[in-house]
Structure formats: C-alpha cells, structure tokens
Protein backbone atom coordinates (compact mmCIF):
# COMPACT_ATOMS: atom_id res chain seq x y z
CA MET A 1 -8.29 111.02 -90.67
CA ASN A 2 -11.81 109.92 -91.52
CA VAL A 3 -12.23 108.40 -95.00
CA ALA A 4 -15.10 110.82 -95.70
CA ASP A 5 -12.79 113.82 -95.05
CA ARG A 6 -11.43 113.35 -98.55
CA LEU A 7 -14.90 113.88 -100.02
CA ALA A 8 -15.28 117.05 -97.94
CA GLU A 9 -11.96 118.34 -99.29
CA HIS A 10 -13.07 117.86 -102.89
CA ALA A 11 -16.45 119.43 -102.13
CA ALA A 12 -14.72 122.53 -100.76
CA ALA A 13 -12.18 122.77 -103.60
CA MET A 14 -14.54 122.00 -106.52
CA PRO A 15 -18.18 121.92 -105.36
CA TYR A 16 -19.44 121.76 -108.95
CA GLY A 17 -16.93 119.19 -110.12
CA VAL A 18 -18.60 116.04 -111.46
CA ALA A 19 -18.42 113.22 -108.93
CA VAL A 20 -20.91 110.64 -110.22
CA ILE A 21 -22.85 110.11 -113.44
CA GLU A 22 -25.66 107.56 -113.13
CA LYS A 23 -27.87 107.17 -116.19
CA HIS A 24 -28.81 110.78 -117.01
CA ARG A 25 -28.17 112.19 -113.55
CA ILE A 26 -25.03 114.15 -112.66
CA THR A 27 -24.07 114.51 -108.99
CA HIS A 28 -21.40 117.05 -108.12
CA PHE A 29 -18.89 116.70 -105.29
CA GLY A 30 -20.70 119.37 -103.27
CA ALA A 31 -24.04 117.58 -103.58
CA LEU A 32 -22.53 114.16 -102.75
CA ASP A 33 -20.84 115.61 -99.68
CA ARG A 34 -24.08 117.25 -98.47
CA ALA A 35 -25.94 113.98 -99.03
CA ALA A 36 -23.38 112.15 -96.89
CA TRP A 37 -23.77 114.71 -94.08
CA ARG A 38 -27.58 114.46 -94.20
CA ALA A 39 -27.50 110.67 -94.24
CA ALA A 40 -25.02 110.56 -91.35
CA ALA A 41 -27.25 112.78 -89.20
CA TRP A 42 -30.33 110.70 -90.14
CA LEU A 43 -28.59 107.42 -89.31
CA ARG A 44 -27.44 108.77 -85.96
CA ALA A 45 -30.98 110.01 -85.22
CA ASN A 46 -32.18 106.46 -85.93
CA GLY A 47 -30.02 105.07 -83.14
CA LEU A 48 -26.88 104.02 -85.00
CA GLY A 49 -23.46 105.04 -83.80
CA PRO A 50 -19.72 104.41 -84.00
CA GLY A 51 -18.80 100.75 -84.32
CA ASP A 52 -22.24 99.58 -85.49
CA VAL A 53 -22.11 97.38 -88.59
CA VAL A 54 -24.65 98.38 -91.25
CA ALA A 55 -25.38 96.23 -94.29
CA LEU A 56 -26.06 98.00 -97.58
CA ALA A 57 -28.42 96.62 -100.24
CA MET A 58 -28.89 99.34 -102.84
CA GLU A 59 -30.05 99.70 -106.41
CA SER A 60 -29.06 103.35 -106.87
CA GLY A 61 -25.29 103.56 -107.07
CA VAL A 62 -25.06 107.25 -106.23
CA LEU A 63 -27.32 106.79 -103.19
CA GLN A 64 -25.15 103.86 -102.11
CA LEU A 65 -22.01 106.03 -102.41
CA ALA A 66 -23.68 108.69 -100.27
CA ALA A 67 -24.53 106.02 -97.68
CA ILE A 68 -20.97 104.63 -97.73
CA TYR A 69 -19.51 108.06 -96.99
CA ALA A 70 -22.21 108.74 -94.38
CA LEU A 71 -21.46 105.56 -92.47
CA ALA A 72 -17.74 106.28 -92.59
CA ARG A 73 -18.33 109.85 -91.45
CA MET A 74 -20.35 108.86 -88.36
CA GLY A 75 -17.95 106.03 -87.39
CA ALA A 76 -20.14 103.07 -88.38
CA VAL A 77 -18.86 100.10 -90.37
CA GLN A 78 -20.35 99.28 -93.77
CA LEU A 79 -20.83 95.85 -95.33
CA CYS A 80 -22.10 95.68 -98.91
CA LEU A 81 -24.38 92.69 -99.38
CA PRO A 82 -23.95 90.76 -102.63
CA ARG A 83 -27.21 91.18 -104.55
CA ALA A 84 -26.46 88.39 -107.02
CA GLU A 85 -25.27 85.77 -104.52
CA GLY A 86 -28.45 84.96 -102.67
CA GLN A 87 -30.06 85.42 -99.27
CA PRO A 88 -28.23 82.55 -97.50
CA LEU A 89 -24.84 84.22 -98.03
CA ALA A 90 -26.22 87.57 -96.86
CA GLU A 91 -27.58 85.90 -93.72
CA ARG A 92 -24.23 84.26 -92.93
CA LEU A 93 -22.30 87.49 -93.48
CA ALA A 94 -24.75 89.42 -91.30
CA ALA A 95 -24.50 86.85 -88.50
CA ARG A 96 -20.69 86.73 -88.65
CA HIS A 97 -20.36 90.51 -88.29
CA ARG A 98 -23.37 91.09 -86.00
CA VAL A 99 -25.04 93.52 -88.37
CA ALA A 100 -27.16 96.05 -86.51
CA ALA A 101 -29.28 97.23 -89.45
CA ILE A 102 -29.78 96.83 -93.17
CA LEU A 103 -30.04 100.04 -95.20
CA SER A 104 -31.71 99.85 -98.59
CA ASP A 105 -33.50 101.95 -101.18
CA ARG A 106 -35.74 99.03 -102.21
CA ASP A 107 -37.77 96.23 -100.69
CA VAL A 108 -35.35 93.52 -99.59
CA PRO A 109 -35.71 90.41 -97.46
CA GLY A 110 -35.01 91.00 -93.80
CA LEU A 111 -31.99 89.66 -91.97
CA ALA A 112 -32.39 87.87 -88.66
CA GLY A 113 -32.03 90.29 -85.77
CA CYS A 114 -31.48 93.33 -88.03
CA ARG A 115 -33.53 96.49 -88.32
CA ARG A 116 -34.57 97.56 -91.81
CA LEU A 117 -33.99 101.20 -92.70
CA ARG A 118 -35.03 102.91 -95.93
CA ALA A 119 -32.51 105.22 -97.61
CA ASP A 120 -34.01 108.56 -98.59
CA PRO A 121 -33.36 109.87 -102.14
CA ARG A 122 -33.96 113.39 -100.77
CA TRP A 123 -30.48 113.22 -99.26
CA LEU A 124 -29.35 114.06 -102.80
CA ALA A 125 -31.65 117.08 -103.16
CA PRO A 126 -29.90 120.01 -104.86
CA ASP A 127 -30.93 122.59 -102.26
CA ALA A 128 -28.31 124.23 -100.07
CA ALA A 129 -30.09 123.55 -96.78
CA PRO A 130 -27.69 123.49 -93.82
CA VAL A 131 -26.32 120.15 -92.70
CA ASP A 132 -25.43 118.90 -89.23
CA ARG A 133 -21.65 118.54 -89.18
CA ALA A 134 -21.61 117.27 -85.59
CA ALA A 135 -21.95 113.68 -86.85
CA ARG A 136 -18.25 113.31 -87.82
CA ALA A 137 -16.23 110.64 -86.01
CA PRO A 138 -12.41 110.85 -85.83
CA GLY A 139 -11.67 107.81 -87.99
CA GLY A 140 -8.01 106.85 -87.66
CA ALA A 141 -7.55 103.31 -86.33
CA ALA A 142 -11.31 102.75 -86.01
CA PRO A 143 -12.87 100.29 -88.51
CA TRP A 144 -14.95 101.62 -91.37
CA MET A 145 -15.61 98.71 -93.75
CA VAL A 146 -15.82 94.94 -94.05
CA ALA A 147 -13.93 93.82 -97.15
CA ARG A 148 -14.93 90.51 -98.71
CA THR A 149 -12.22 88.52 -100.43
CA SER A 150 -12.50 87.25 -103.99
CA GLY A 151 -12.07 83.66 -102.86
CA THR A 152 -13.64 80.69 -104.57
CA THR A 153 -15.39 79.15 -101.56
CA ALA A 154 -19.08 79.49 -100.79
CA MET A 155 -18.39 81.65 -97.72
CA PRO A 156 -15.90 84.44 -98.51
CA LYS A 157 -13.30 85.42 -95.96
CA THR A 158 -13.53 88.97 -94.68
CA ILE A 159 -11.12 91.63 -93.45
CA VAL A 160 -12.14 94.60 -91.31
CA GLN A 161 -10.28 97.67 -92.54
CA SER A 162 -9.59 100.89 -90.63
CA HIS A 163 -9.74 104.47 -91.91
CA ALA A 164 -5.97 104.81 -91.49
CA THR A 165 -5.16 101.62 -93.40
CA TYR A 166 -7.39 102.60 -96.30
CA ALA A 167 -5.80 106.05 -96.53
CA ALA A 168 -2.28 104.60 -96.37
CA ARG A 169 -3.06 101.96 -99.01
CA ARG A 170 -4.08 104.64 -101.52
CA LYS A 171 -0.38 105.46 -101.92
CA LEU A 172 0.08 102.05 -103.56
CA THR A 173 -2.61 102.85 -106.15
CA ARG A 174 -0.70 105.82 -107.55
CA GLY A 175 1.43 105.64 -110.66
CA PRO A 176 1.07 106.19 -114.41
CA TYR A 177 -1.86 103.76 -114.62
CA GLY A 178 -3.70 104.86 -111.50
CA PHE A 179 -6.52 107.40 -111.33
CA GLU A 180 -5.74 111.07 -111.83
CA PRO A 181 -7.81 114.21 -111.11
CA GLY A 182 -10.01 114.85 -114.12
CA ASP A 183 -10.31 111.18 -115.11
CA ARG A 184 -13.70 109.70 -115.91
CA TYR A 185 -13.87 106.11 -114.70
CA LEU A 186 -16.31 103.79 -116.46
CA ALA A 187 -17.52 101.53 -113.63
CA VAL A 188 -18.88 98.28 -115.10
CA ILE A 189 -18.55 96.18 -111.91
CA PRO A 190 -21.45 96.60 -109.45
CA LEU A 191 -20.78 98.41 -106.18
CA ASP A 192 -21.90 95.44 -104.09
CA PHE A 193 -18.85 93.53 -105.36
CA GLN A 194 -15.70 94.39 -103.46
CA LEU A 195 -13.70 95.24 -106.59
CA GLY A 196 -16.46 97.49 -107.94
CA PHE A 197 -16.73 99.30 -104.61
CA LYS A 198 -12.96 99.71 -104.33
CA MET A 199 -12.42 101.09 -107.82
CA CYS A 200 -15.16 103.72 -107.45
CA LEU A 201 -13.83 104.87 -104.08
CA ASP A 202 -10.28 105.02 -105.47
CA ALA A 203 -11.44 107.24 -108.33
CA LEU A 204 -13.34 109.60 -106.03
CA TRP A 205 -10.38 109.66 -103.62
CA VAL A 206 -8.27 111.59 -106.17
CA GLY A 207 -11.14 113.76 -107.43
CA ALA A 208 -11.92 111.77 -110.58
CA SER A 209 -15.48 111.23 -111.84
CA VAL A 210 -17.31 107.90 -111.75
CA ILE A 211 -19.63 106.78 -114.57
CA LEU A 212 -21.87 104.07 -113.09
CA ALA A 213 -22.46 101.61 -115.92
CA SER A 214 -22.92 98.23 -114.21
CA GLU A 215 -26.63 98.12 -115.13
CA LEU A 216 -25.85 98.24 -118.87
CA ARG A 217 -26.36 94.76 -120.23
CA LYS A 218 -25.36 95.17 -123.88
CA ALA A 219 -21.80 95.61 -125.09
CA SER A 220 -22.99 98.21 -127.56
CA GLU A 221 -24.44 100.27 -124.68
CA LEU A 222 -21.10 100.19 -122.85
CA LEU A 223 -19.23 101.40 -125.91
CA GLU A 224 -21.77 104.14 -126.62
CA THR A 225 -21.68 105.30 -122.99
CA ALA A 226 -17.87 105.34 -122.91
CA GLU A 227 -17.81 107.46 -126.09
CA ARG A 228 -20.63 109.82 -125.16
CA LEU A 229 -19.32 110.53 -121.66
CA ALA A 230 -15.64 110.61 -122.67
CA ALA A 231 -14.46 107.85 -120.33
CA THR A 232 -10.71 107.88 -119.74
CA CYS A 233 -10.33 104.79 -117.51
CA ALA A 234 -12.05 101.43 -117.17
CA TYR A 235 -11.57 98.12 -115.39
CA ILE A 236 -13.00 95.30 -117.44
CA THR A 237 -13.75 91.68 -116.66
CA PRO A 238 -13.28 88.74 -119.06
CA PRO A 239 -17.00 88.38 -119.86
CA HIS A 240 -17.23 92.08 -120.75
CA LEU A 241 -14.11 91.87 -122.89
CA HIS A 242 -15.32 88.89 -124.88
CA SER A 243 -18.70 90.52 -125.48
CA LEU A 244 -17.05 93.69 -126.77
CA LEU A 245 -14.57 92.25 -129.26
CA PRO A 246 -17.11 90.76 -131.74
CA ILE A 247 -18.85 94.13 -132.28
CA LEU A 248 -15.71 96.20 -132.78
CA HIS A 249 -14.73 97.40 -136.23
CA THR A 250 -11.42 96.27 -137.67
CA ASP A 251 -10.38 99.61 -139.16
CA GLY A 252 -9.13 101.46 -136.07
CA VAL A 253 -9.48 101.80 -132.30
CA ARG A 254 -12.98 102.45 -131.01
CA LEU A 255 -12.01 104.30 -127.80
CA PRO A 256 -8.91 106.40 -128.54
CA GLY A 257 -9.64 108.62 -125.53
CA LEU A 258 -9.35 105.75 -123.06
CA ARG A 259 -6.14 106.48 -121.15
CA VAL A 260 -6.11 103.18 -119.26
CA LEU A 261 -8.03 99.96 -119.84
CA ARG A 262 -7.16 97.63 -116.98
CA CYS A 263 -7.85 93.91 -117.28
CA GLY A 264 -7.32 91.50 -114.42
CA SER A 265 -8.07 88.00 -113.17
CA MET A 266 -7.74 86.38 -116.55
CA ALA A 267 -5.45 84.51 -118.86
CA MET A 268 -5.32 86.53 -122.06
CA SER A 269 -4.19 84.97 -125.30
CA GLU A 270 -1.90 86.92 -127.59
CA THR A 271 -4.64 86.89 -130.23
CA THR A 272 -7.09 88.53 -127.83
CA ARG A 273 -4.51 91.05 -126.60
CA ARG A 274 -3.68 92.15 -130.12
CA ALA A 275 -7.36 92.52 -130.95
CA VAL A 276 -7.90 94.72 -127.88
CA VAL A 277 -5.01 97.09 -128.62
CA ALA A 278 -5.81 97.27 -132.34
CA ARG A 279 -9.59 97.67 -132.11
CA LEU A 280 -10.50 99.00 -128.65
CA THR A 281 -7.56 100.96 -127.17
CA PRO A 282 -3.77 100.66 -127.31
CA ASN A 283 -3.63 101.58 -123.61
CA LEU A 284 -4.22 98.11 -122.22
CA VAL A 285 -2.82 97.28 -118.77
CA ILE A 286 -2.93 93.68 -117.54
CA SER A 287 -2.96 93.46 -113.75
CA TYR A 288 -2.97 91.02 -110.85
CA GLY A 289 -4.14 91.91 -107.37
CA ALA A 290 -5.81 90.71 -104.18
CA ASN A 291 -8.86 92.08 -102.39
CA ASP A 292 -7.29 90.77 -99.19
CA LEU A 293 -4.57 93.45 -99.45
CA ASP A 294 -6.76 96.14 -101.05
CA CYS A 295 -4.13 96.87 -103.68
CA GLY A 296 -2.75 95.73 -107.01
CA ILE A 297 0.27 93.42 -106.96
CA THR A 298 1.61 93.54 -110.53
CA GLU A 299 0.85 95.26 -113.80
CA ALA A 300 1.99 94.81 -117.38
CA ASP A 301 2.03 97.79 -119.72
CA ALA A 302 2.38 97.66 -123.51
CA GLN A 303 6.16 97.14 -123.40
CA ILE A 304 5.98 94.25 -120.94
CA GLN A 305 3.08 92.67 -122.85
CA ALA A 306 5.14 92.73 -126.05
CA ARG A 307 8.29 91.31 -124.43
CA PHE A 308 6.60 88.83 -122.07
CA PRO A 309 3.30 87.70 -123.61
CA GLY A 310 1.02 85.88 -121.21
CA SER A 311 2.55 87.49 -118.11
CA VAL A 312 0.87 89.74 -115.54
CA GLY A 313 3.87 92.08 -115.36
CA LYS A 314 6.16 93.39 -112.65
CA ALA A 315 5.47 94.22 -109.01
CA ARG A 316 4.00 97.67 -108.50
CA PRO A 317 6.01 100.26 -106.53
CA GLY A 318 5.88 99.51 -102.81
CA VAL A 319 5.06 95.82 -103.35
CA GLU A 320 7.53 93.02 -102.53
CA LEU A 321 7.01 89.84 -104.52
CA GLU A 322 8.69 86.44 -104.19
CA ILE A 323 8.27 82.85 -105.38
CA VAL A 324 8.98 80.24 -102.73
CA GLY A 325 8.98 76.46 -102.46
CA ASP A 326 7.04 74.30 -100.04
CA ASP A 327 9.83 74.92 -97.50
CA GLN A 328 9.34 78.72 -97.83
CA ARG A 329 12.79 79.20 -99.37
CA THR A 330 13.01 81.72 -102.20
CA LEU A 331 13.24 80.06 -105.62
CA ALA A 332 15.48 81.11 -108.47
CA ALA A 333 14.19 82.82 -111.61
CA GLY A 334 12.40 80.39 -113.88
CA GLU A 335 11.24 78.05 -111.10
CA THR A 336 7.55 77.61 -110.29
CA GLY A 337 6.38 77.88 -106.70
CA HIS A 338 4.07 79.73 -104.34
CA VAL A 339 3.50 83.46 -104.79
CA ARG A 340 3.95 85.56 -101.67
CA VAL A 341 3.56 89.32 -101.27
CA ARG A 342 4.42 91.99 -98.72
CA VAL A 343 3.07 95.56 -98.61
CA PRO A 344 3.16 98.31 -95.98
CA ASP A 345 0.46 98.14 -93.30
CA MET A 346 -0.41 94.52 -93.99
CA PRO A 347 -3.72 93.28 -92.51
CA ALA A 348 -3.31 91.19 -89.37
CA GLY A 349 -5.52 88.49 -90.85
CA TYR A 350 -9.09 87.50 -91.56
CA PHE A 351 -12.00 88.29 -89.29
CA ASP A 352 -12.81 85.43 -86.89
CA ASP A 353 -11.00 82.83 -89.03
CA PRO A 354 -7.73 81.78 -87.38
CA ALA A 355 -7.21 78.76 -89.65
CA ALA A 356 -7.45 80.81 -92.85
CA THR A 357 -5.30 83.53 -91.27
CA ALA A 358 -2.55 81.06 -90.38
CA LYS A 359 -2.54 79.73 -93.92
CA ALA A 360 -2.49 83.08 -95.77
CA PHE A 361 -0.61 85.44 -93.42
CA ARG A 362 2.77 84.03 -92.38
CA ASP A 363 5.99 85.63 -91.16
CA GLY A 364 5.01 89.07 -92.41
CA TRP A 365 4.01 87.81 -95.89
CA PHE A 366 0.66 87.26 -97.55
CA TYR A 367 0.16 84.08 -99.57
CA PRO A 368 -2.68 84.58 -102.07
CA GLY A 369 -2.76 80.87 -102.88
CA ASP A 370 -1.40 81.22 -106.41
CA LEU A 371 1.43 79.43 -108.16
CA GLY A 372 3.78 81.52 -110.23
CA MET A 373 7.16 81.93 -111.86
CA LEU A 374 9.36 85.02 -111.96
CA THR A 375 11.70 85.72 -114.86
CA ALA A 376 15.19 87.14 -114.34
CA GLU A 377 13.67 90.56 -115.13
CA GLY A 378 11.12 90.20 -112.32
CA VAL A 379 8.13 89.53 -114.58
CA LEU A 380 5.46 87.25 -113.09
CA TYR A 381 3.75 84.38 -114.89
CA LEU A 382 0.83 82.84 -113.02
CA LYS A 383 0.54 79.06 -113.13
CA GLY A 384 -2.79 78.56 -111.38
CA ARG A 385 -4.03 78.14 -107.85
CA SER A 386 -1.89 76.18 -105.42
CA ASP A 387 -4.85 73.92 -104.67
CA ASP A 388 -5.38 73.33 -108.39
CA MET A 389 -1.89 72.08 -109.27
CA MET A 390 -2.23 68.58 -110.67
CA ASN A 391 -0.11 65.51 -109.96
CA CYS A 392 -0.91 62.90 -112.58
CA ASP A 393 1.17 59.74 -112.21
CA GLY A 394 3.91 61.78 -110.50
CA ILE A 395 3.98 64.45 -113.21
CA LYS A 396 3.26 68.02 -112.09
CA ILE A 397 0.84 69.84 -114.37
CA PHE A 398 0.02 73.53 -114.03
CA PRO A 399 -3.43 74.80 -115.09
CA ALA A 400 -1.98 77.92 -116.75
CA ASP A 401 0.07 75.82 -119.18
CA ILE A 402 -3.06 74.02 -120.43
CA GLU A 403 -5.04 77.26 -120.57
CA ALA A 404 -2.34 79.01 -122.59
CA VAL A 405 -2.39 76.25 -125.23
CA LEU A 406 -6.19 76.23 -125.46
CA LEU A 407 -6.30 80.02 -125.81
CA GLU A 408 -3.95 79.79 -128.77
CA HIS A 409 -6.69 77.98 -130.69
CA PRO A 410 -8.64 80.49 -132.81
CA ALA A 411 -12.02 79.05 -131.77
CA VAL A 412 -11.43 79.36 -128.00
CA ALA A 413 -12.52 82.56 -126.27
CA GLU A 414 -12.00 81.45 -122.65
CA ALA A 415 -10.41 78.44 -120.97
CA ALA A 416 -9.95 77.04 -117.49
CA ALA A 417 -8.01 73.91 -116.50
CA LEU A 418 -8.34 72.02 -113.23
CA PRO A 419 -7.77 68.61 -111.61
CA LEU A 420 -10.29 65.87 -110.97
CA GLN A 421 -9.55 63.26 -108.32
CA SER A 422 -8.66 59.81 -109.67
CA GLU A 423 -8.00 56.58 -107.80
CA GLY A 424 -5.50 55.34 -110.33
CA HIS A 425 -3.70 58.58 -111.22
CA GLN A 426 -4.23 60.86 -108.15
CA HIS A 427 -5.37 63.66 -110.50
CA ILE A 428 -6.49 63.78 -114.09
CA PRO A 429 -6.24 67.14 -115.90
CA VAL A 430 -9.47 68.43 -117.43
CA ALA A 431 -10.51 71.74 -118.95
CA ALA A 432 -13.57 73.82 -119.77
CA VAL A 433 -13.78 76.19 -122.72
CA VAL A 434 -16.07 78.92 -124.01
CA LEU A 435 -16.00 78.95 -127.81
CA ARG A 436 -16.31 81.84 -130.21
CA GLU A 437 -17.05 79.42 -133.05
CA ASP A 438 -18.12 75.80 -133.19
CA VAL A 439 -15.35 73.19 -133.15
CA PRO A 440 -15.42 69.51 -132.12
CA VAL A 441 -14.05 68.78 -128.67
CA GLU A 442 -11.87 66.03 -130.13
CA ALA A 443 -10.16 68.60 -132.33
CA LEU A 444 -9.31 70.63 -129.23
CA ARG A 445 -7.94 67.54 -127.48
CA ASP A 446 -5.75 66.79 -130.52
CA TRP A 447 -4.55 70.41 -130.48
CA CYS A 448 -3.52 70.03 -126.84
CA ARG A 449 -1.89 66.59 -127.31
CA GLU A 450 0.32 67.96 -130.10
CA ARG A 451 1.60 70.73 -127.83
CA LEU A 452 1.44 69.24 -124.33
CA GLY A 453 1.87 65.52 -124.79
CA ILE A 454 1.02 63.61 -121.62
CA ARG A 455 0.15 66.87 -119.88
CA ALA A 456 -2.85 67.42 -122.20
CA PRO A 457 -6.32 67.42 -120.61
CA HIS A 458 -8.07 64.05 -120.59
CA LEU A 459 -11.45 65.73 -120.97
CA ILE A 460 -12.58 69.09 -122.36
CA ALA A 461 -16.07 70.40 -121.62
CA ARG A 462 -17.80 73.13 -123.60
CA LEU A 463 -19.65 75.71 -121.46
CA ARG A 464 -21.69 78.75 -122.42
CA ARG A 465 -19.80 80.76 -119.82
CA LEU A 466 -17.21 80.18 -117.12
CA PRO A 467 -18.56 80.70 -113.58
CA ARG A 468 -16.68 83.56 -111.94
CA GLY A 469 -16.48 85.32 -108.59
CA ASP A 470 -16.93 89.02 -107.89
CA SER A 471 -13.50 90.05 -109.24
CA GLY A 472 -13.72 87.87 -112.34
CA LYS A 473 -11.72 84.93 -110.99
CA VAL A 474 -12.80 81.57 -112.36
CA LEU A 475 -14.62 79.34 -109.88
CA ARG A 476 -12.87 76.06 -110.68
CA ARG A 477 -14.70 74.07 -108.03
CA GLU A 478 -17.97 74.99 -109.70
CA ILE A 479 -16.55 73.89 -113.07
CA ALA A 480 -15.47 70.59 -111.52
CA ARG A 481 -19.04 70.01 -110.35
CA LEU A 482 -20.37 70.78 -113.83
CA ILE A 483 -17.89 68.39 -115.47
CA GLU A 484 -18.59 65.64 -112.96
CA SER A 485 -22.32 65.99 -113.63
CA GLN A 486 -21.71 65.65 -117.37
CA ARG A 487 -19.68 62.47 -116.83
CA LYS A 488 -22.46 60.71 -114.89
C-alpha cells in the first residue's frame, strides 16, 4: 500500500467531503487528491523519482499537505524543514539525508547541493482537468518520510519510516479518543513540526477534516475559530493552554462540542486540570507518547485523572509498558526506574546513529529516556528524564516531584526542575517557573522547603516562558544555560 492510496479512497467515496480548512479556504478530499496527482506528475517531470529525499519549506498548509501526498505517491521521501529552528539545523538535516531538492511556496535560503523548486498553487485549482495517474509508486516497504524526534539536543535524531509501517501504526491510534470520520481537528501545531504533521495526517487517514490554525497568534482567535468551525478534536501544548485559561469565563464550558482535548508533554497541576474541565471542555485527555515510535504510549481519561491526579494514565491498547532498574530487571509497582516500551513493528533504530540506536533500542524494547513509576493498577507517573535525575549528597531527587510541588502553588503556571553540576554535592536541584501572578522567589523556596525538605530546589529562576521543543517538551539544557548565566 502507498500512504497516498488512503487519500484516493476518501476522494472516491466522498469527493466533496471537507478535507482541509485554511483561513477562509475549504479544500475537499477530491480537490486535495487531484492536487497530489498533479504535483506528483510535475515533480517527476522535474527529474525527481522514487527514493529521492525532498525537503519541504512551506507557508501554505494545504499546499504542503498536497506536496506530502504527492511525494508519497511518486515514491519520494519527504523531510519537513523546521521553519522556526534556523538555517544551520536545516543544512545539517539536508546533509545527513542527502536531500535532492527543496520544495517551497516562498523564497527560502538555498541548501548546499540542493535544487530549489517552487510549489504551484494551481495544483489546487478547482477544475476537473484530467490527471496523470501513472506517477503512483507501490509503497509497501519503501521509505516515504523522515521523522524527526522530539529530543532535547541541538541535532534531532531521525527515523526513516516506510509506507507499510505508517499504515500498520495507525491501528494503535484507534480507540475512543482517536480520530473518527466526521471529526474536525483543530491543528494548532505547525506542520513542519513532527507532531503537527503526524496529527494532521492521522486525521485525514480516517476521513476527518483538518482546521489549520497554527498561524493564529491570539488565544481569543483560537477559541473563536474552534467555535465557528465546530471543532471536535484538538491537541494542545502547554503554552497554548496557559494562554487560554485566563480569558475563559467561569460560568460554564466554552467548547462543549469538543469531543477530545488532548494534552501531552506537560506536568499538569490539579488546579489547572480542574480549570480546563470546568471552563474549556470536560473531555480532557492527558497523554504521553514518543515521535520515535509514531504512536501514543499512555492516556488518562476523566476517570483516571480523578483517581490518579498527576499521572499520564495507562498504556494504550497494543502498547507494552514496563519500569526497569539499571540492570534491566522489571521493578515492582511503586518503584521508580526507567520507562521502556514495546509496540508492533518497532523501528530498527535511528538513521546513521548507531550510538543513539544502541542506547534507545535494546532487546526488542524502546527506551524513551524517561523515569517513571507504575501503580498496581498500571497507571504511569513520570518522574523526569533519566539524564535529569539528581543525586545530591547521595540523595536521589526526581524533577517531577519538585515540579508537582511548585505547580500546587496558586501563582505558578509552569515549572521545570533540573540538576546543576556541583563539585561539593555532585548535583544541586534547581527549578524555573512561569508565574501567573507576581510572588517573591523566596516565598516559592519556602513553599518547597515545607513540602520537600532537603529535596527542595536550591535556586528558583523566574522566566517569561519555558523553552520547549517541537512537541512541547521542556528543553532543560537550555534552562540550565539560562540559570547559569543569571548566576554569573
């Protein structure tokens, strides 16, 4: 199967079904499919073929989706360049994967050794002109995309995914909180981020509609768009969430039609959770996943959130989840150790990175690099990154424990804890906070000392925002640099 075959199926079954809404433009499945055929024929006529890696740098989301399906259809491999992460990263990614061309709908800097091709908006023309269907490649085990991980290093690891693996992995996205035909997905994460790309493709895979909203900068615009276009699903990041809550009324839910609001990559205080379900939507789902596996790992619905506050829920169907010690032996419920995961059709490893592969993919398991604890009921609590666990004077300190205490304070909107190297103590625990109201740092330290004792952070820095990666994960190394600069 070719990934683009699914689009063709929807185009045949519901040619006038809404596929994409971008600003005031509606693109139906039939039109998106025709655009992908036209683009595939054009790309092939411009000398590209199966196996060629093509970098995408687009402003128009619907044109980018047409290009993604076109490249898949003709057997090429797509790599979305991160617009917000700078030219040096784009250059390194292009060199690593030997990019043959860069396809864009705007003027972009060139990449060494790459042709520049201009995407044509006329691919999306509403006419019914015939298309060349000879461009289709078989798909199957052939690669179709380069997936970037959500890691916290300057150079993300990458995984090359096949058509067959992507199709098989979609079975793990099903369930009561997955996309359904007829859904309208409010896409607030840009398509050049791996998570934004994945969520849009997952919605279109089942025949749902995508509302492209990543260009909306104001929280009020997001709410108005969700209401006006009757959004039923959304995936929201911590910065979006904390910008929405202050403008919500307190006399009822703002988006009662939202069937699923998924939040991931964050520690959510009980105060924030209650505000979300009371003022935005009661259908909050807290999740934990990994771009490396292209699937969610756990999810917590309303019942789990109420019984196990602060958790990220239970393993999704088809996902095996364990907590192990440094010796790889499975730990008992209630013990903290390394999270490891196993899913069907696991990736073999990272592209051209044997050291990272050996560390993360071992004995049929994937190690995402997180610390966690499972309850007797199989509910997962995350305790921070394995590299961020602190050892202060022989005492183990987990970042999540500090973050949970800070988030209990009514003035704290976001928190991140991490270790700093110390000659005398090995590590000293520190934290960074984003405040919703002004409060002295010393008051926050006293708050932590009362609840954590010697495990309290030695230093708390106030930041305007927490630096985050493409999936919303906090970049603790960047915070460490900011704190160190403040100490000098």
